[in-house]
Amino acid sequence: MNSEKLTEILKTAFPQAEVMVVGQAGKFDLRVVDDNFTGKRPVARQQMVYAPLNSFIADGSVHAVTIKAMTKEEWRKASIFGV
């Protein structure tokens, strides 16, 4: 699995989202910015991101991910204030 393929998978699952994937060798940092996360708790957001990755986690091609799942407004504030 490479970051380009993982980006494609997440863009299919979250077509309106801004998706950024960095990593290699099964270890990835994911940022998904989508207003579909509005009102959802962090665990629910992570579950939404994990869902399209489950088969790749199961077969070992993805084995470590760090997820930042934010709304557009949360990402805007984080970008401005460095949070």
C-alpha atoms as a PDB file:
ATOM      1  CA  MET A   1       0.000   0.000   0.000  1.00  0.00           C
ATOM      2  CA  ASN A   2       1.260   3.473  -0.811  1.00  0.00           C
ATOM      3  CA  SER A   3      -0.002   6.932   0.080  1.00  0.00           C
ATOM      4  CA  GLU A   4      -1.433   7.568  -3.411  1.00  0.00           C
ATOM      5  CA  LYS A   5      -3.587   4.427  -3.293  1.00  0.00           C
ATOM      6  CA  LEU A   6      -4.737   5.214   0.240  1.00  0.00           C
ATOM      7  CA  THR A   7      -5.637   8.755  -0.822  1.00  0.00           C
ATOM      8  CA  GLU A   8      -7.710   7.330  -3.685  1.00  0.00           C
ATOM      9  CA  ILE A   9      -9.562   4.978  -1.314  1.00  0.00           C
ATOM     10  CA  LEU A  10     -10.366   7.788   1.113  1.00  0.00           C
ATOM     11  CA  LYS A  11     -11.399  10.196  -1.663  1.00  0.00           C
ATOM     12  CA  THR A  12     -13.860   7.554  -2.894  1.00  0.00           C
ATOM     13  CA  ALA A  13     -15.264   7.158   0.629  1.00  0.00           C
ATOM     14  CA  PHE A  14     -15.306  10.923   1.293  1.00  0.00           C
ATOM     15  CA  PRO A  15     -15.855  12.555  -2.110  1.00  0.00           C
ATOM     16  CA  GLN A  16     -16.313  16.083  -0.743  1.00  0.00           C
ATOM     17  CA  ALA A  17     -13.362  15.890   1.653  1.00  0.00           C
ATOM     18  CA  GLU A  18      -9.894  17.290   1.598  1.00  0.00           C
ATOM     19  CA  VAL A  19      -7.704  14.227   2.080  1.00  0.00           C
ATOM     20  CA  MET A  20      -3.999  14.141   2.829  1.00  0.00           C
ATOM     21  CA  VAL A  21      -2.042  10.948   3.340  1.00  0.00           C
ATOM     22  CA  VAL A  22       1.625  10.761   4.276  1.00  0.00           C
ATOM     23  CA  GLY A  23       3.544   7.589   4.947  1.00  0.00           C
ATOM     24  CA  GLN A  24       4.890   4.349   3.631  1.00  0.00           C
ATOM     25  CA  ALA A  25       5.484   0.715   4.525  1.00  0.00           C
ATOM     26  CA  GLY A  26       2.024   0.349   6.081  1.00  0.00           C
ATOM     27  CA  LYS A  27       2.371   3.339   8.437  1.00  0.00           C
ATOM     28  CA  PHE A  28       0.339   6.413   7.523  1.00  0.00           C
ATOM     29  CA  ASP A  29      -0.763   9.784   8.841  1.00  0.00           C
ATOM     30  CA  LEU A  30      -4.230  10.655   7.529  1.00  0.00           C
ATOM     31  CA  ARG A  31      -6.005  13.980   7.501  1.00  0.00           C
ATOM     32  CA  VAL A  32      -9.614  13.994   6.359  1.00  0.00           C
ATOM     33  CA  VAL A  33     -11.432  17.323   6.405  1.00  0.00           C
ATOM     34  CA  ASP A  34     -15.144  16.874   5.788  1.00  0.00           C
ATOM     35  CA  ASP A  35     -18.266  18.530   7.140  1.00  0.00           C
ATOM     36  CA  ASN A  36     -19.853  15.070   7.470  1.00  0.00           C
ATOM     37  CA  PHE A  37     -17.944  14.927  10.773  1.00  0.00           C
ATOM     38  CA  THR A  38     -20.060  17.758  12.203  1.00  0.00           C
ATOM     39  CA  GLY A  39     -21.635  16.735  15.510  1.00  0.00           C
ATOM     40  CA  LYS A  40     -19.737  13.445  15.664  1.00  0.00           C
ATOM     41  CA  ARG A  41     -17.470  12.515  18.540  1.00  0.00           C
ATOM     42  CA  PRO A  42     -13.801  11.743  17.822  1.00  0.00           C
ATOM     43  CA  VAL A  43     -14.282   7.967  18.079  1.00  0.00           C
ATOM     44  CA  ALA A  44     -17.189   8.040  15.606  1.00  0.00           C
ATOM     45  CA  ARG A  45     -15.077  10.108  13.204  1.00  0.00           C
ATOM     46  CA  GLN A  46     -12.232   7.609  13.431  1.00  0.00           C
ATOM     47  CA  GLN A  47     -14.634   4.726  12.838  1.00  0.00           C
ATOM     48  CA  MET A  48     -15.870   6.485   9.695  1.00  0.00           C
ATOM     49  CA  VAL A  49     -12.294   6.779   8.411  1.00  0.00           C
ATOM     50  CA  TYR A  50     -11.387   3.212   9.397  1.00  0.00           C
ATOM     51  CA  ALA A  51     -14.424   1.726   7.609  1.00  0.00           C
ATOM     52  CA  PRO A  52     -13.033   1.867   4.034  1.00  0.00           C
ATOM     53  CA  LEU A  53      -9.619   0.715   5.320  1.00  0.00           C
ATOM     54  CA  ASN A  54     -10.720  -2.386   7.241  1.00  0.00           C
ATOM     55  CA  SER A  55      -9.874  -4.909   4.524  1.00  0.00           C
ATOM     56  CA  PHE A  56      -6.397  -3.392   4.111  1.00  0.00           C
ATOM     57  CA  ILE A  57      -5.839  -3.465   7.860  1.00  0.00           C
ATOM     58  CA  ALA A  58      -7.016  -7.089   7.942  1.00  0.00           C
ATOM     59  CA  ASP A  59      -4.604  -8.168   5.190  1.00  0.00           C
ATOM     60  CA  GLY A  60      -1.694  -6.269   6.768  1.00  0.00           C
ATOM     61  CA  SER A  61      -1.073  -3.783   3.945  1.00  0.00           C
ATOM     62  CA  VAL A  62      -2.029  -1.019   6.404  1.00  0.00           C
ATOM     63  CA  HIS A  63      -0.987  -1.614   9.987  1.00  0.00           C
ATOM     64  CA  ALA A  64      -0.573   1.783  11.637  1.00  0.00           C
ATOM     65  CA  VAL A  65      -2.554   4.963  11.071  1.00  0.00           C
ATOM     66  CA  THR A  66      -2.780   8.286  12.807  1.00  0.00           C
ATOM     67  CA  ILE A  67      -6.075   9.977  11.995  1.00  0.00           C
ATOM     68  CA  LYS A  68      -7.012  13.636  12.084  1.00  0.00           C
ATOM     69  CA  ALA A  69     -10.690  13.847  11.145  1.00  0.00           C
ATOM     70  CA  MET A  70     -11.980  17.406  11.251  1.00  0.00           C
ATOM     71  CA  THR A  71     -14.705  19.623   9.894  1.00  0.00           C
ATOM     72  CA  LYS A  72     -13.706  22.429   7.544  1.00  0.00           C
ATOM     73  CA  GLU A  73     -14.148  24.983  10.322  1.00  0.00           C
ATOM     74  CA  GLU A  74     -12.032  22.949  12.753  1.00  0.00           C
ATOM     75  CA  TRP A  75      -9.307  22.651  10.112  1.00  0.00           C
ATOM     76  CA  ARG A  76      -9.478  26.395   9.407  1.00  0.00           C
ATOM     77  CA  LYS A  77      -9.008  27.176  13.110  1.00  0.00           C
ATOM     78  CA  ALA A  78      -6.203  24.615  13.459  1.00  0.00           C
ATOM     79  CA  SER A  79      -4.440  26.130  10.457  1.00  0.00           C
ATOM     80  CA  ILE A  80      -4.668  29.640  11.877  1.00  0.00           C
ATOM     81  CA  PHE A  81      -3.851  28.870  15.499  1.00  0.00           C
ATOM     82  CA  GLY A  82      -1.616  25.850  15.017  1.00  0.00           C
ATOM     83  CA  VAL A  83      -3.746  23.599  17.173  1.00  0.00           C
END
